[in-house]
C-alpha atoms as a PDB file:
ATOM      1  CA  UNK A   1     131.859 160.779  86.015  1.00  0.00           C
ATOM      2  CA  UNK A   2     129.194 163.003  87.647  1.00  0.00           C
ATOM      3  CA  UNK A   3     126.426 162.698  90.192  1.00  0.00           C
ATOM      4  CA  UNK A   4     122.919 164.160  89.587  1.00  0.00           C
ATOM      5  CA  UNK A   5     120.058 164.872  92.051  1.00  0.00           C
ATOM      6  CA  UNK A   6     116.612 165.349  90.405  1.00  0.00           C
ATOM      7  CA  UNK A   7     112.992 165.635  91.397  1.00  0.00           C
ATOM      8  CA  UNK A   8     111.209 162.285  91.258  1.00  0.00           C
ATOM      9  CA  UNK A   9     108.002 163.907  90.212  1.00  0.00           C
ATOM     10  CA  UNK A  10     109.154 165.355  86.876  1.00  0.00           C
ATOM     11  CA  UNK A  11     112.830 164.608  86.488  1.00  0.00           C
ATOM     12  CA  UNK A  12     113.892 168.272  86.876  1.00  0.00           C
ATOM     13  CA  UNK A  13     117.551 168.520  87.801  1.00  0.00           C
ATOM     14  CA  UNK A  14     118.110 170.015  91.204  1.00  0.00           C
ATOM     15  CA  UNK A  15     121.868 169.772  91.487  1.00  0.00           C
ATOM     16  CA  UNK A  16     124.833 167.928  90.086  1.00  0.00           C
ATOM     17  CA  UNK A  17     128.511 167.414  90.995  1.00  0.00           C
ATOM     18  CA  UNK A  18     131.226 166.583  88.560  1.00  0.00           C
ATOM     19  CA  UNK A  19     132.476 163.886  91.001  1.00  0.00           C
ATOM     20  CA  UNK A  20     130.512 160.616  91.763  1.00  0.00           C
ATOM     21  CA  UNK A  21     132.243 160.516  95.016  1.00  0.00           C
ATOM     22  CA  UNK A  22     131.039 163.819  96.532  1.00  0.00           C
ATOM     23  CA  UNK A  23     128.889 163.420  99.642  1.00  0.00           C
ATOM     24  CA  UNK A  24     125.126 163.383  99.168  1.00  0.00           C
ATOM     25  CA  UNK A  25     122.200 162.410 101.400  1.00  0.00           C
ATOM     26  CA  UNK A  26     121.103 158.704 101.378  1.00  0.00           C
ATOM     27  CA  UNK A  27     118.650 157.437  98.847  1.00  0.00           C
ATOM     28  CA  UNK A  28     115.972 157.120 101.633  1.00  0.00           C
ATOM     29  CA  UNK A  29     116.494 160.745 102.831  1.00  0.00           C
ATOM     30  CA  UNK A  30     116.341 161.988  99.188  1.00  0.00           C
ATOM     31  CA  UNK A  31     113.252 159.943  98.453  1.00  0.00           C
ATOM     32  CA  UNK A  32     111.457 161.293 101.587  1.00  0.00           C
ATOM     33  CA  UNK A  33     112.113 164.796 100.203  1.00  0.00           C
ATOM     34  CA  UNK A  34     110.871 163.898  96.586  1.00  0.00           C
ATOM     35  CA  UNK A  35     114.395 163.581  95.178  1.00  0.00           C
ATOM     36  CA  UNK A  36     116.497 160.783  93.602  1.00  0.00           C
ATOM     37  CA  UNK A  37     120.167 160.567  92.489  1.00  0.00           C
ATOM     38  CA  UNK A  38     121.970 159.004  89.652  1.00  0.00           C
ATOM     39  CA  UNK A  39     125.660 158.566  89.166  1.00  0.00           C
ATOM     40  CA  UNK A  40     128.136 157.520  86.502  1.00  0.00           C
ATOM     41  CA  UNK A  41     126.994 160.017  83.809  1.00  0.00           C
ATOM     42  CA  UNK A  42     129.008 162.413  81.852  1.00  0.00           C
ATOM     43  CA  UNK A  43     129.333 165.944  83.345  1.00  0.00           C
ATOM     44  CA  UNK A  44     127.357 168.848  81.872  1.00  0.00           C
ATOM     45  CA  UNK A  45     129.136 171.063  79.423  1.00  0.00           C
ATOM     46  CA  UNK A  46     128.522 172.802  76.096  1.00  0.00           C
ATOM     47  CA  UNK A  47     127.947 169.350  74.430  1.00  0.00           C
ATOM     48  CA  UNK A  48     126.101 167.529  77.130  1.00  0.00           C
ATOM     49  CA  UNK A  49     122.683 168.447  78.806  1.00  0.00           C
ATOM     50  CA  UNK A  50     120.295 166.887  81.505  1.00  0.00           C
ATOM     51  CA  UNK A  51     117.369 165.093  79.931  1.00  0.00           C
ATOM     52  CA  UNK A  52     114.558 165.142  82.564  1.00  0.00           C
ATOM     53  CA  UNK A  53     112.273 162.393  81.093  1.00  0.00           C
ATOM     54  CA  UNK A  54     115.097 159.776  81.047  1.00  0.00           C
ATOM     55  CA  UNK A  55     117.164 161.001  84.040  1.00  0.00           C
ATOM     56  CA  UNK A  56     120.365 160.953  81.898  1.00  0.00           C
ATOM     57  CA  UNK A  57     122.706 163.164  80.255  1.00  0.00           C
ATOM     58  CA  UNK A  58     122.393 163.437  76.373  1.00  0.00           C
ATOM     59  CA  UNK A  59     124.589 164.855  73.662  1.00  0.00           C
ATOM     60  CA  UNK A  60     123.390 168.315  72.539  1.00  0.00           C
ATOM     61  CA  UNK A  61     122.860 168.461  68.812  1.00  0.00           C
ATOM     62  CA  UNK A  62     125.248 170.805  67.046  1.00  0.00           C
ATOM     63  CA  UNK A  63     123.534 173.703  65.465  1.00  0.00           C
ATOM     64  CA  UNK A  64     125.716 175.782  63.287  1.00  0.00           C
ATOM     65  CA  UNK A  65     125.437 179.454  63.805  1.00  0.00           C
ATOM     66  CA  UNK A  66     123.903 181.120  60.771  1.00  0.00           C
ATOM     67  CA  UNK A  67     123.883 184.893  61.198  1.00  0.00           C
ATOM     68  CA  UNK A  68     123.455 187.476  58.424  1.00  0.00           C
ATOM     69  CA  UNK A  69     123.174 191.168  58.358  1.00  0.00           C
ATOM     70  CA  UNK A  70     119.707 192.387  57.411  1.00  0.00           C
ATOM     71  CA  UNK A  71     121.256 193.642  54.150  1.00  0.00           C
ATOM     72  CA  UNK A  72     122.652 190.261  53.218  1.00  0.00           C
ATOM     73  CA  UNK A  73     119.376 188.556  54.186  1.00  0.00           C
ATOM     74  CA  UNK A  74     117.108 190.900  52.140  1.00  0.00           C
ATOM     75  CA  UNK A  75     119.687 190.573  49.234  1.00  0.00           C
ATOM     76  CA  UNK A  76     118.775 186.952  49.004  1.00  0.00           C
ATOM     77  CA  UNK A  77     115.347 187.850  47.670  1.00  0.00           C
ATOM     78  CA  UNK A  78     115.078 188.567  43.966  1.00  0.00           C
ATOM     79  CA  UNK A  79     113.787 191.864  42.846  1.00  0.00           C
ATOM     80  CA  UNK A  80     110.522 190.328  41.692  1.00  0.00           C
ATOM     81  CA  UNK A  81     110.039 188.573  45.091  1.00  0.00           C
ATOM     82  CA  UNK A  82     110.659 191.856  46.981  1.00  0.00           C
ATOM     83  CA  UNK A  83     108.130 193.714  44.761  1.00  0.00           C
ATOM     84  CA  UNK A  84     105.540 190.982  45.407  1.00  0.00           C
ATOM     85  CA  UNK A  85     106.196 190.980  49.158  1.00  0.00           C
ATOM     86  CA  UNK A  86     105.905 194.750  49.349  1.00  0.00           C
ATOM     87  CA  UNK A  87     102.602 194.602  47.385  1.00  0.00           C
ATOM     88  CA  UNK A  88     101.121 191.923  49.627  1.00  0.00           C
ATOM     89  CA  UNK A  89      97.995 192.882  51.687  1.00  0.00           C
ATOM     90  CA  UNK A  90      98.606 190.111  54.225  1.00  0.00           C
ATOM     91  CA  UNK A  91      99.044 191.653  57.691  1.00  0.00           C
ATOM     92  CA  UNK A  92     101.858 189.237  58.565  1.00  0.00           C
ATOM     93  CA  UNK A  93     103.705 189.974  55.464  1.00  0.00           C
ATOM     94  CA  UNK A  94     103.287 193.726  56.022  1.00  0.00           C
ATOM     95  CA  UNK A  95     104.583 193.312  59.586  1.00  0.00           C
ATOM     96  CA  UNK A  96     107.690 191.567  58.069  1.00  0.00           C
ATOM     97  CA  UNK A  97     108.153 194.467  55.674  1.00  0.00           C
ATOM     98  CA  UNK A  98     107.679 197.052  58.423  1.00  0.00           C
ATOM     99  CA  UNK A  99     110.132 195.361  60.753  1.00  0.00           C
ATOM    100  CA  UNK A 100     113.069 194.900  58.285  1.00  0.00           C
ATOM    101  CA  UNK A 101     114.218 198.579  58.388  1.00  0.00           C
ATOM    102  CA  UNK A 102     113.863 198.627  62.198  1.00  0.00           C
ATOM    103  CA  UNK A 103     116.508 195.905  62.384  1.00  0.00           C
ATOM    104  CA  UNK A 104     119.025 197.373  59.915  1.00  0.00           C
ATOM    105  CA  UNK A 105     121.785 197.396  62.449  1.00  0.00           C
ATOM    106  CA  UNK A 106     120.778 194.031  63.779  1.00  0.00           C
ATOM    107  CA  UNK A 107     121.912 190.480  62.738  1.00  0.00           C
ATOM    108  CA  UNK A 108     119.553 187.917  61.571  1.00  0.00           C
ATOM    109  CA  UNK A 109     119.824 184.439  62.968  1.00  0.00           C
ATOM    110  CA  UNK A 110     118.608 181.991  60.354  1.00  0.00           C
ATOM    111  CA  UNK A 111     118.053 179.450  63.119  1.00  0.00           C
ATOM    112  CA  UNK A 112     115.521 181.748  64.839  1.00  0.00           C
ATOM    113  CA  UNK A 113     112.006 180.308  64.740  1.00  0.00           C
ATOM    114  CA  UNK A 114     110.722 183.810  63.644  1.00  0.00           C
ATOM    115  CA  UNK A 115     112.572 183.435  60.414  1.00  0.00           C
ATOM    116  CA  UNK A 116     111.017 180.049  59.928  1.00  0.00           C
ATOM    117  CA  UNK A 117     107.590 181.427  60.534  1.00  0.00           C
ATOM    118  CA  UNK A 118     108.092 184.262  58.111  1.00  0.00           C
ATOM    119  CA  UNK A 119     109.404 182.120  55.414  1.00  0.00           C
ATOM    120  CA  UNK A 120     106.469 179.698  55.927  1.00  0.00           C
ATOM    121  CA  UNK A 121     104.159 182.622  55.649  1.00  0.00           C
ATOM    122  CA  UNK A 122     105.680 183.867  52.475  1.00  0.00           C
ATOM    123  CA  UNK A 123     105.432 180.436  50.971  1.00  0.00           C
ATOM    124  CA  UNK A 124     101.646 180.124  52.184  1.00  0.00           C
ATOM    125  CA  UNK A 125     100.886 183.421  50.512  1.00  0.00           C
ATOM    126  CA  UNK A 126     102.545 182.345  47.186  1.00  0.00           C
ATOM    127  CA  UNK A 127     105.233 184.925  47.458  1.00  0.00           C
ATOM    128  CA  UNK A 128     108.033 182.337  47.497  1.00  0.00           C
ATOM    129  CA  UNK A 129     108.199 178.701  46.530  1.00  0.00           C
ATOM    130  CA  UNK A 130     109.204 176.252  49.143  1.00  0.00           C
ATOM    131  CA  UNK A 131     112.359 175.486  47.379  1.00  0.00           C
ATOM    132  CA  UNK A 132     113.357 179.187  47.310  1.00  0.00           C
ATOM    133  CA  UNK A 133     112.519 179.526  50.933  1.00  0.00           C
ATOM    134  CA  UNK A 134     114.602 176.547  51.800  1.00  0.00           C
ATOM    135  CA  UNK A 135     117.600 177.849  49.643  1.00  0.00           C
ATOM    136  CA  UNK A 136     117.312 181.291  51.322  1.00  0.00           C
ATOM    137  CA  UNK A 137     117.794 179.958  54.793  1.00  0.00           C
ATOM    138  CA  UNK A 138     120.263 177.258  53.944  1.00  0.00           C
END
């Protein structure tokens, strides 16, 4: 089990050690400097992270990697949807249309909040239904 030292004021992690038995200042010394410690928690790794509000280690939610080429992403749109998107006068939609060719050699991460924002905009503009948008990023 691991030992963690954090700021009392906001719970920010200052340092940690994978061993509870590693030497650390006394509780009084730590408190005088605005710190506290907690022991007996799991070590940090790719599946565990420090949670400042609770002063604990929590399991990181698994997010599957969802990467597509720009070609594969655009190919998810129907021809009718693409014509409507290109014909839109909305500045946000036009920015999306402008940016796609610039990203041709890039990958699109469907988990990226920008994709969520674009799909929300396309739905709000009536260019996609919510069910189509959901299916396209699923």
